[in-house]
Amino acid sequence: MKRLAVVLAIFSCFRLFASDNRELEKRVMALSRQLRCLVCQNETLADSQAELAADLRKQIREQMRAGRNDTEIVAFLTDRYGDFVLYRPPLKPRTYVLWFGPFLLLGGGLFALYRSLKRRAANTG
């Protein structure tokens, strides 16, 4: 009877550990969806297969096991990698390039195309 009790106790410990592990993985993936892969840049850490993304997910997991909350982990990562690591960086002077850079490049490209087409029309007409 004692053996059965020991086996049941061990089994319940494994189930508890597996349940805690699943919850931790859910938390890691939820936070990883809010962070940008520094290698792929157009993917979240959760979606990226890059080696650096796997290392960052491992680091997030270790910090969660150490008892740090999501805000503390994000603060650590932004201190280390800057606001670029955030998939949706805050709008502030340091991140204007991230927010408005693509639109400025698009506008510059359209302006260059317009001038090129205008010159071509003037040369042929």
Protein backbone atom coordinates (compact mmCIF):
# COMPACT_ATOMS: atom_id res chain seq x y z
CA MET A 1 0.00 0.00 0.00
CA LYS A 2 2.89 2.32 0.76
CA ARG A 3 4.32 1.74 -2.70
CA LEU A 4 1.05 2.79 -4.27
CA ALA A 5 0.98 5.96 -2.17
CA VAL A 6 4.57 6.79 -3.18
CA VAL A 7 3.84 6.14 -6.85
CA LEU A 8 0.71 8.31 -6.71
CA ALA A 9 2.64 11.09 -4.95
CA ILE A 10 5.38 11.00 -7.60
CA PHE A 11 2.80 10.95 -10.39
CA SER A 12 0.98 13.96 -8.94
CA CYS A 13 4.30 15.84 -8.67
CA PHE A 14 4.98 15.16 -12.37
CA ARG A 15 1.48 16.35 -13.31
CA LEU A 16 1.92 19.51 -11.24
CA PHE A 17 5.33 20.14 -12.86
CA ALA A 18 3.91 19.58 -16.35
CA SER A 19 1.01 21.92 -15.62
CA ASP A 20 3.38 24.63 -14.34
CA ASN A 21 5.59 24.08 -17.38
CA ARG A 22 2.62 24.53 -19.77
CA GLU A 23 1.61 27.75 -18.02
CA LEU A 24 5.18 29.04 -18.22
CA GLU A 25 5.37 28.23 -21.94
CA LYS A 26 2.07 30.04 -22.54
CA ARG A 27 3.43 33.09 -20.75
CA VAL A 28 6.72 32.97 -22.68
CA MET A 29 4.91 32.74 -26.03
CA ALA A 30 2.47 35.54 -25.12
CA LEU A 31 5.33 37.88 -24.27
CA SER A 32 7.36 36.72 -27.28
CA ARG A 33 4.50 37.80 -29.57
CA GLN A 34 5.02 41.38 -28.35
CA LEU A 35 8.73 41.40 -29.17
CA ARG A 36 10.52 41.68 -32.53
CA CYS A 37 13.13 39.24 -33.73
CA LEU A 38 16.35 41.21 -34.08
CA VAL A 39 17.49 39.03 -36.98
CA CYS A 40 14.29 38.66 -39.02
CA GLN A 41 12.89 42.10 -38.05
CA ASN A 42 9.49 41.43 -39.62
CA GLU A 43 8.64 38.53 -37.31
CA THR A 44 7.90 38.27 -33.63
CA LEU A 45 10.18 36.29 -31.34
CA ALA A 46 7.42 33.69 -31.09
CA ASP A 47 7.30 33.16 -34.87
CA SER A 48 11.01 33.39 -35.65
CA GLN A 49 13.19 30.34 -36.15
CA ALA A 50 16.44 32.32 -35.85
CA GLU A 51 18.99 31.17 -33.30
CA LEU A 52 19.00 34.57 -31.57
CA ALA A 53 15.20 34.42 -31.21
CA ALA A 54 15.48 31.01 -29.55
CA ASP A 55 18.14 32.40 -27.20
CA LEU A 56 15.92 35.36 -26.31
CA ARG A 57 12.94 33.08 -25.65
CA LYS A 58 15.19 30.99 -23.39
CA GLN A 59 16.30 34.14 -21.58
CA ILE A 60 12.68 35.23 -21.14
CA ARG A 61 11.81 31.78 -19.77
CA GLU A 62 14.70 31.92 -17.28
CA GLN A 63 13.67 35.38 -16.09
CA MET A 64 10.08 34.22 -15.64
CA ARG A 65 11.28 31.27 -13.58
CA ALA A 66 13.27 33.74 -11.47
CA GLY A 67 10.00 35.51 -10.65
CA ARG A 68 10.28 38.60 -12.86
CA ASN A 69 7.06 39.96 -14.32
CA ASP A 70 6.48 40.87 -17.99
CA THR A 71 7.10 44.58 -17.42
CA GLU A 72 10.48 43.90 -15.83
CA ILE A 73 11.48 41.55 -18.64
CA VAL A 74 10.45 44.05 -21.35
CA ALA A 75 12.38 46.78 -19.51
CA PHE A 76 15.45 44.54 -19.40
CA LEU A 77 15.23 43.79 -23.12
CA THR A 78 14.65 47.42 -24.14
CA ASP A 79 17.58 48.53 -21.97
CA ARG A 80 19.74 45.96 -23.70
CA TYR A 81 18.47 46.19 -27.32
CA GLY A 82 16.57 49.48 -27.44
CA ASP A 83 12.96 50.15 -28.40
CA PHE A 84 13.48 48.33 -31.69
CA VAL A 85 12.99 45.01 -29.87
CA LEU A 86 9.37 45.99 -29.21
CA TYR A 87 7.06 44.90 -32.01
CA ARG A 88 5.03 48.06 -31.40
CA PRO A 89 7.53 50.61 -30.08
CA PRO A 90 6.18 53.68 -28.27
CA LEU A 91 5.85 56.90 -30.23
CA LYS A 92 8.60 59.19 -28.94
CA PRO A 93 11.40 61.21 -30.55
CA ARG A 94 13.86 58.30 -30.39
CA THR A 95 11.47 56.04 -32.35
CA TYR A 96 10.28 58.51 -35.00
CA VAL A 97 12.51 56.76 -37.56
CA LEU A 98 10.83 53.43 -36.81
CA TRP A 99 7.35 54.93 -37.14
CA PHE A 100 7.79 57.43 -39.96
CA GLY A 101 10.90 56.18 -41.82
CA PRO A 102 9.02 53.82 -44.16
CA PHE A 103 6.58 56.58 -45.14
CA LEU A 104 9.43 59.02 -45.78
CA LEU A 105 11.20 56.46 -47.97
CA LEU A 106 7.98 55.78 -49.87
CA GLY A 107 7.37 59.50 -50.34
CA GLY A 108 10.95 60.04 -51.52
CA GLY A 109 10.65 57.15 -53.98
CA LEU A 110 7.37 58.48 -55.39
CA PHE A 111 8.86 61.96 -55.72
CA ALA A 112 11.91 60.57 -57.57
CA LEU A 113 9.61 58.58 -59.88
CA TYR A 114 7.50 61.68 -60.58
CA ARG A 115 10.59 63.76 -61.43
CA SER A 116 11.99 61.01 -63.63
CA LEU A 117 8.71 60.65 -65.54
CA LYS A 118 8.42 64.43 -65.87
CA ARG A 119 11.95 64.69 -67.34
CA ARG A 120 11.27 61.84 -69.73
CA ALA A 121 8.07 63.54 -70.92
CA ALA A 122 9.91 66.86 -71.38
CA ASN A 123 12.71 65.18 -73.40
CA THR A 124 10.30 63.35 -75.74
CA GLY A 125 7.85 66.22 -76.23
